[in-house]
Amino acid sequence: MAIGDSYVTPAELKDYMSYQGSAQDARMTSVCAAVSREIEDWCHRQFNQAAAATARIYEPLDSCKVFVDDFFTTSGLVIASDDNDDGVFENTWTAADYQLRPLNGLRNGLPGWPFWEIRAVGFSKRFYYTRHASVQVTAQWGWSDIPAPVKEAALMLAADTFQTKDSRFGIAGSDQFGNVTRVRDNVVAQAKLRHYARQKVFVA
């Protein structure tokens, strides 16, 4: 799916909810889009993929490390730096100058993770923290595939949101004991997403 697409479709949501008919298709489309954006906001990342490599600029954490947005392939990858604080990225790095993390695309023993950290490992190049953003990365942003837990969380949140479409102030209703259930507190969905949350990227 392209960047900006919903992580679940109305058809998938209907199947998940065992819902039939098309009268609520527009509402379901809106809900699927809304929960997808909420997941991105909660995780500080998005899980679709760009069709082509584009350039983005970043500020490094220190002289050897910069955190960037997720990118899922090294095809089309170009890393360049501005070493004299003039806003021009004149110094293009070679593959020997940097190392991508997580190593081997693995995290917690699971494959399929994108890269989001670049470390300077050569002897001749370092990142500089200057008035201008000093690192430019051209990459194909996003994930190769939407992780199954993210998809499942999106379905859960979309179903909850759709079923409480008449609620106000985020309150879904009361249980048999009179306790209020809040829509935003889906702890099961949060548990599925917790391994995918990251710190916000330090961008220019």
C-alpha atoms as a PDB file:
ATOM      1  CA  MET A   1       0.000   0.000   0.000  1.00  0.00           C
ATOM      2  CA  ALA A   2       1.121   3.520  -0.733  1.00  0.00           C
ATOM      3  CA  ILE A   3       1.998   6.012   1.995  1.00  0.00           C
ATOM      4  CA  GLY A   4      -1.219   7.540   3.269  1.00  0.00           C
ATOM      5  CA  ASP A   5      -3.394   4.519   2.487  1.00  0.00           C
ATOM      6  CA  SER A   6      -5.463   2.944   5.254  1.00  0.00           C
ATOM      7  CA  TYR A   7      -4.124  -0.215   6.869  1.00  0.00           C
ATOM      8  CA  VAL A   8      -7.468  -1.969   6.523  1.00  0.00           C
ATOM      9  CA  THR A   9     -10.157  -1.696   3.870  1.00  0.00           C
ATOM     10  CA  PRO A  10     -13.929  -1.465   4.366  1.00  0.00           C
ATOM     11  CA  ALA A  11     -14.212  -4.991   2.924  1.00  0.00           C
ATOM     12  CA  GLU A  12     -11.768  -6.332   5.521  1.00  0.00           C
ATOM     13  CA  LEU A  13     -13.615  -4.489   8.277  1.00  0.00           C
ATOM     14  CA  LYS A  14     -16.944  -5.950   7.131  1.00  0.00           C
ATOM     15  CA  ASP A  15     -15.480  -9.439   7.190  1.00  0.00           C
ATOM     16  CA  TYR A  16     -13.985  -8.847  10.651  1.00  0.00           C
ATOM     17  CA  MET A  17     -17.335  -7.624  11.987  1.00  0.00           C
ATOM     18  CA  SER A  18     -19.475 -10.115  10.008  1.00  0.00           C
ATOM     19  CA  TYR A  19     -21.262  -7.082   8.607  1.00  0.00           C
ATOM     20  CA  GLN A  20     -23.306  -7.207   5.406  1.00  0.00           C
ATOM     21  CA  GLY A  21     -24.619  -4.487   3.156  1.00  0.00           C
ATOM     22  CA  SER A  22     -23.177  -1.330   1.644  1.00  0.00           C
ATOM     23  CA  ALA A  23     -25.189   1.404   3.369  1.00  0.00           C
ATOM     24  CA  GLN A  24     -22.280   2.233   5.709  1.00  0.00           C
ATOM     25  CA  ASP A  25     -19.444   1.992   3.176  1.00  0.00           C
ATOM     26  CA  ALA A  26     -18.619   5.708   3.337  1.00  0.00           C
ATOM     27  CA  ARG A  27     -18.586   5.638   7.125  1.00  0.00           C
ATOM     28  CA  MET A  28     -16.354   2.550   7.143  1.00  0.00           C
ATOM     29  CA  THR A  29     -13.931   4.157   4.703  1.00  0.00           C
ATOM     30  CA  SER A  30     -13.660   7.196   6.971  1.00  0.00           C
ATOM     31  CA  VAL A  31     -13.172   5.035  10.073  1.00  0.00           C
ATOM     32  CA  CYS A  32     -10.432   2.939   8.434  1.00  0.00           C
ATOM     33  CA  ALA A  33      -8.552   6.109   7.474  1.00  0.00           C
ATOM     34  CA  ALA A  34      -8.973   7.671  10.921  1.00  0.00           C
ATOM     35  CA  VAL A  35      -7.678   4.685  12.894  1.00  0.00           C
ATOM     36  CA  SER A  36      -4.734   4.320  10.504  1.00  0.00           C
ATOM     37  CA  ARG A  37      -3.685   7.897  11.243  1.00  0.00           C
ATOM     38  CA  GLU A  38      -4.190   7.295  14.990  1.00  0.00           C
ATOM     39  CA  ILE A  39      -1.892   4.270  14.839  1.00  0.00           C
ATOM     40  CA  GLU A  40       0.768   6.329  13.069  1.00  0.00           C
ATOM     41  CA  ASP A  41       0.469   9.065  15.679  1.00  0.00           C
ATOM     42  CA  TRP A  42       0.739   6.554  18.541  1.00  0.00           C
ATOM     43  CA  CYS A  43       3.666   4.643  17.012  1.00  0.00           C
ATOM     44  CA  HIS A  44       5.436   7.715  15.551  1.00  0.00           C
ATOM     45  CA  ARG A  45       5.862   5.874  12.259  1.00  0.00           C
ATOM     46  CA  GLN A  46       3.835   4.762   9.259  1.00  0.00           C
ATOM     47  CA  PHE A  47       3.764   1.233   7.835  1.00  0.00           C
ATOM     48  CA  ASN A  48       3.055   1.649   4.120  1.00  0.00           C
ATOM     49  CA  GLN A  49       5.716   2.160   1.476  1.00  0.00           C
ATOM     50  CA  ALA A  50       6.717   4.824  -1.007  1.00  0.00           C
ATOM     51  CA  ALA A  51       6.772   3.918  -4.683  1.00  0.00           C
ATOM     52  CA  ALA A  52      10.082   5.681  -5.306  1.00  0.00           C
ATOM     53  CA  ALA A  53      13.061   7.042  -3.400  1.00  0.00           C
ATOM     54  CA  THR A  54      12.845  10.689  -2.307  1.00  0.00           C
ATOM     55  CA  ALA A  55      15.134  12.962  -0.284  1.00  0.00           C
ATOM     56  CA  ARG A  56      14.530  14.040   3.326  1.00  0.00           C
ATOM     57  CA  ILE A  57      16.799  16.016   5.651  1.00  0.00           C
ATOM     58  CA  TYR A  58      17.659  15.330   9.290  1.00  0.00           C
ATOM     59  CA  GLU A  59      19.636  16.602  12.235  1.00  0.00           C
ATOM     60  CA  PRO A  60      22.053  14.033  13.726  1.00  0.00           C
ATOM     61  CA  LEU A  61      21.952  12.895  17.334  1.00  0.00           C
ATOM     62  CA  ASP A  62      25.734  13.110  17.528  1.00  0.00           C
ATOM     63  CA  SER A  63      28.767  12.830  15.259  1.00  0.00           C
ATOM     64  CA  CYS A  64      28.246   9.113  14.675  1.00  0.00           C
ATOM     65  CA  LYS A  65      24.493   8.609  14.727  1.00  0.00           C
ATOM     66  CA  VAL A  66      21.358   9.893  13.016  1.00  0.00           C
ATOM     67  CA  PHE A  67      17.809   8.578  13.367  1.00  0.00           C
ATOM     68  CA  VAL A  68      15.657   8.773  10.249  1.00  0.00           C
ATOM     69  CA  ASP A  69      12.226   7.710   9.067  1.00  0.00           C
ATOM     70  CA  ASP A  70      11.790   4.036   8.258  1.00  0.00           C
ATOM     71  CA  PHE A  71      13.043   2.808   4.874  1.00  0.00           C
ATOM     72  CA  PHE A  72      12.723  -0.784   3.731  1.00  0.00           C
ATOM     73  CA  THR A  73      15.328  -1.202   0.997  1.00  0.00           C
ATOM     74  CA  THR A  74      18.824   0.000   0.153  1.00  0.00           C
ATOM     75  CA  SER A  75      17.845   0.298  -3.509  1.00  0.00           C
ATOM     76  CA  GLY A  76      18.177   3.966  -4.405  1.00  0.00           C
ATOM     77  CA  LEU A  77      19.706   4.819  -1.033  1.00  0.00           C
ATOM     78  CA  VAL A  78      21.918   7.911  -1.011  1.00  0.00           C
ATOM     79  CA  ILE A  79      23.373   9.499   2.122  1.00  0.00           C
ATOM     80  CA  ALA A  80      24.938  12.936   1.898  1.00  0.00           C
ATOM     81  CA  SER A  81      26.098  15.488   4.443  1.00  0.00           C
ATOM     82  CA  ASP A  82      26.587  19.220   4.694  1.00  0.00           C
ATOM     83  CA  ASP A  83      30.033  19.574   6.261  1.00  0.00           C
ATOM     84  CA  ASN A  84      30.474  23.360   6.131  1.00  0.00           C
ATOM     85  CA  ASP A  85      27.033  24.593   7.252  1.00  0.00           C
ATOM     86  CA  ASP A  86      26.046  26.155   3.928  1.00  0.00           C
ATOM     87  CA  GLY A  87      22.839  24.159   3.398  1.00  0.00           C
ATOM     88  CA  VAL A  88      24.336  22.170   0.504  1.00  0.00           C
ATOM     89  CA  PHE A  89      24.797  18.403   0.839  1.00  0.00           C
ATOM     90  CA  GLU A  90      28.013  18.188  -1.122  1.00  0.00           C
ATOM     91  CA  ASN A  91      29.575  15.160   0.590  1.00  0.00           C
ATOM     92  CA  THR A  92      28.116  11.851  -0.620  1.00  0.00           C
ATOM     93  CA  TRP A  93      28.861   8.862   1.587  1.00  0.00           C
ATOM     94  CA  THR A  94      29.937   5.443   0.328  1.00  0.00           C
ATOM     95  CA  ALA A  95      28.690   2.145   1.723  1.00  0.00           C
ATOM     96  CA  ALA A  96      31.953   1.813   3.659  1.00  0.00           C
ATOM     97  CA  ASP A  97      31.239   5.049   5.528  1.00  0.00           C
ATOM     98  CA  TYR A  98      28.041   3.959   7.290  1.00  0.00           C
ATOM     99  CA  GLN A  99      26.142   1.040   8.776  1.00  0.00           C
ATOM    100  CA  LEU A 100      22.366   0.664   8.903  1.00  0.00           C
ATOM    101  CA  ARG A 101      20.409  -0.426  11.965  1.00  0.00           C
ATOM    102  CA  PRO A 102      18.770  -2.638  13.012  1.00  0.00           C
ATOM    103  CA  LEU A 103      21.414  -5.013  11.778  1.00  0.00           C
ATOM    104  CA  ASN A 104      20.156  -7.578   9.260  1.00  0.00           C
ATOM    105  CA  GLY A 105      16.649  -6.125   9.463  1.00  0.00           C
ATOM    106  CA  LEU A 106      16.098  -8.066  12.701  1.00  0.00           C
ATOM    107  CA  ARG A 107      14.583  -6.900  15.969  1.00  0.00           C
ATOM    108  CA  ASN A 108      13.749  -9.162  18.911  1.00  0.00           C
ATOM    109  CA  GLY A 109      14.662 -12.063  16.652  1.00  0.00           C
ATOM    110  CA  LEU A 110      11.985 -11.156  14.101  1.00  0.00           C
ATOM    111  CA  PRO A 111      12.802 -10.314  10.448  1.00  0.00           C
ATOM    112  CA  GLY A 112      11.128  -7.776   8.206  1.00  0.00           C
ATOM    113  CA  TRP A 113      12.033  -4.598  10.073  1.00  0.00           C
ATOM    114  CA  PRO A 114      13.021  -1.487   8.111  1.00  0.00           C
ATOM    115  CA  PHE A 115      16.117   0.593   8.763  1.00  0.00           C
ATOM    116  CA  TRP A 116      15.816   3.765  10.849  1.00  0.00           C
ATOM    117  CA  GLU A 117      19.312   4.420  12.206  1.00  0.00           C
ATOM    118  CA  ILE A 118      22.475   5.334  10.333  1.00  0.00           C
ATOM    119  CA  ARG A 119      25.863   5.130  12.040  1.00  0.00           C
ATOM    120  CA  ALA A 120      29.128   6.570  10.802  1.00  0.00           C
ATOM    121  CA  VAL A 121      31.686   3.751  10.846  1.00  0.00           C
ATOM    122  CA  GLY A 122      34.378   4.976   8.454  1.00  0.00           C
ATOM    123  CA  PHE A 123      37.466   6.936   9.435  1.00  0.00           C
ATOM    124  CA  SER A 124      36.951   9.934   7.155  1.00  0.00           C
ATOM    125  CA  LYS A 125      33.321  10.999   7.663  1.00  0.00           C
ATOM    126  CA  ARG A 126      31.276  12.232  10.604  1.00  0.00           C
ATOM    127  CA  PHE A 127      27.924  13.919  11.078  1.00  0.00           C
ATOM    128  CA  TYR A 128      27.895  17.599  12.049  1.00  0.00           C
ATOM    129  CA  TYR A 129      25.386  19.400  14.248  1.00  0.00           C
ATOM    130  CA  THR A 130      25.124  22.874  12.723  1.00  0.00           C
ATOM    131  CA  ARG A 131      22.613  25.655  12.109  1.00  0.00           C
ATOM    132  CA  HIS A 132      21.325  23.807   9.051  1.00  0.00           C
ATOM    133  CA  ALA A 133      20.078  20.239   8.966  1.00  0.00           C
ATOM    134  CA  SER A 134      23.304  18.495   8.013  1.00  0.00           C
ATOM    135  CA  VAL A 135      22.182  15.071   6.757  1.00  0.00           C
ATOM    136  CA  GLN A 136      20.220  14.308   3.621  1.00  0.00           C
ATOM    137  CA  VAL A 137      18.908  10.787   3.036  1.00  0.00           C
ATOM    138  CA  THR A 138      17.353   9.676  -0.229  1.00  0.00           C
ATOM    139  CA  ALA A 139      15.480   6.422   0.320  1.00  0.00           C
ATOM    140  CA  GLN A 140      12.359   4.454  -0.441  1.00  0.00           C
ATOM    141  CA  TRP A 141      10.490   5.190   2.759  1.00  0.00           C
ATOM    142  CA  GLY A 142       8.221   2.850   4.684  1.00  0.00           C
ATOM    143  CA  TRP A 143       7.859  -0.872   5.320  1.00  0.00           C
ATOM    144  CA  SER A 144       7.945  -3.750   2.846  1.00  0.00           C
ATOM    145  CA  ASP A 145       4.743  -5.137   4.413  1.00  0.00           C
ATOM    146  CA  ILE A 146       2.300  -4.031   7.083  1.00  0.00           C
ATOM    147  CA  PRO A 147       3.063  -6.131  10.210  1.00  0.00           C
ATOM    148  CA  ALA A 148       0.258  -8.543  11.138  1.00  0.00           C
ATOM    149  CA  PRO A 149      -0.140  -7.089  14.682  1.00  0.00           C
ATOM    150  CA  VAL A 150      -0.559  -3.597  13.222  1.00  0.00           C
ATOM    151  CA  LYS A 151      -3.221  -4.874  10.835  1.00  0.00           C
ATOM    152  CA  GLU A 152      -5.033  -6.641  13.662  1.00  0.00           C
ATOM    153  CA  ALA A 153      -4.894  -3.562  15.885  1.00  0.00           C
ATOM    154  CA  ALA A 154      -6.312  -1.462  13.050  1.00  0.00           C
ATOM    155  CA  LEU A 155      -9.218  -3.872  12.661  1.00  0.00           C
ATOM    156  CA  MET A 156      -9.929  -3.817  16.400  1.00  0.00           C
ATOM    157  CA  LEU A 157      -9.841  -0.034  16.596  1.00  0.00           C
ATOM    158  CA  ALA A 158     -11.913   0.378  13.435  1.00  0.00           C
ATOM    159  CA  ALA A 159     -14.572  -2.032  14.712  1.00  0.00           C
ATOM    160  CA  ASP A 160     -14.712  -0.267  18.085  1.00  0.00           C
ATOM    161  CA  THR A 161     -14.967   3.133  16.438  1.00  0.00           C
ATOM    162  CA  PHE A 162     -17.647   2.054  13.981  1.00  0.00           C
ATOM    163  CA  GLN A 163     -19.756   0.376  16.643  1.00  0.00           C
ATOM    164  CA  THR A 164     -19.647   3.482  18.841  1.00  0.00           C
ATOM    165  CA  LYS A 165     -20.414   5.954  16.067  1.00  0.00           C
ATOM    166  CA  ASP A 166     -23.271   7.445  18.093  1.00  0.00           C
ATOM    167  CA  SER A 167     -21.233   7.937  21.270  1.00  0.00           C
ATOM    168  CA  ARG A 168     -20.137  11.389  22.445  1.00  0.00           C
ATOM    169  CA  PHE A 169     -16.914  12.614  24.044  1.00  0.00           C
ATOM    170  CA  GLY A 170     -15.226   9.239  23.410  1.00  0.00           C
ATOM    171  CA  ILE A 171     -17.579   7.388  25.759  1.00  0.00           C
ATOM    172  CA  ALA A 172     -18.885   4.100  24.416  1.00  0.00           C
ATOM    173  CA  GLY A 173     -21.374   3.428  27.181  1.00  0.00           C
ATOM    174  CA  SER A 174     -21.597   1.715  30.554  1.00  0.00           C
ATOM    175  CA  ASP A 175     -21.196  -1.912  31.500  1.00  0.00           C
ATOM    176  CA  GLN A 176     -23.467  -3.848  33.824  1.00  0.00           C
ATOM    177  CA  PHE A 177     -21.752  -2.333  36.866  1.00  0.00           C
ATOM    178  CA  GLY A 178     -22.127   1.250  35.626  1.00  0.00           C
ATOM    179  CA  ASN A 179     -18.459   1.670  34.768  1.00  0.00           C
ATOM    180  CA  VAL A 180     -17.750   3.840  31.728  1.00  0.00           C
ATOM    181  CA  THR A 181     -15.870   2.278  28.811  1.00  0.00           C
ATOM    182  CA  ARG A 182     -13.788   4.749  26.826  1.00  0.00           C
ATOM    183  CA  VAL A 183     -13.164   4.208  23.148  1.00  0.00           C
ATOM    184  CA  ARG A 184      -9.540   5.393  23.264  1.00  0.00           C
ATOM    185  CA  ASP A 185      -8.526   2.826  25.899  1.00  0.00           C
ATOM    186  CA  ASN A 186      -8.283  -0.349  23.819  1.00  0.00           C
ATOM    187  CA  VAL A 187      -5.531  -2.067  25.799  1.00  0.00           C
ATOM    188  CA  VAL A 188      -5.524  -5.126  23.521  1.00  0.00           C
ATOM    189  CA  ALA A 189      -4.772  -2.989  20.466  1.00  0.00           C
ATOM    190  CA  GLN A 190      -2.110  -1.092  22.413  1.00  0.00           C
ATOM    191  CA  ALA A 191      -0.474  -4.381  23.400  1.00  0.00           C
ATOM    192  CA  LYS A 192      -0.249  -5.378  19.740  1.00  0.00           C
ATOM    193  CA  LEU A 193       1.287  -2.020  18.811  1.00  0.00           C
ATOM    194  CA  ARG A 194       3.715  -1.553  21.702  1.00  0.00           C
ATOM    195  CA  HIS A 195       6.676  -3.236  19.964  1.00  0.00           C
ATOM    196  CA  TYR A 196       6.188  -0.963  16.966  1.00  0.00           C
ATOM    197  CA  ALA A 197       6.208   2.363  18.802  1.00  0.00           C
ATOM    198  CA  ARG A 198       9.322   4.496  18.507  1.00  0.00           C
ATOM    199  CA  GLN A 199      10.547   7.915  19.543  1.00  0.00           C
ATOM    200  CA  LYS A 200       9.772  10.821  17.260  1.00  0.00           C
ATOM    201  CA  VAL A 201      12.405  11.374  14.605  1.00  0.00           C
ATOM    202  CA  PHE A 202      14.581  14.446  15.116  1.00  0.00           C
ATOM    203  CA  VAL A 203      14.003  16.204  11.807  1.00  0.00           C
ATOM    204  CA  ALA A 204      14.738  19.689  10.628  1.00  0.00           C
END
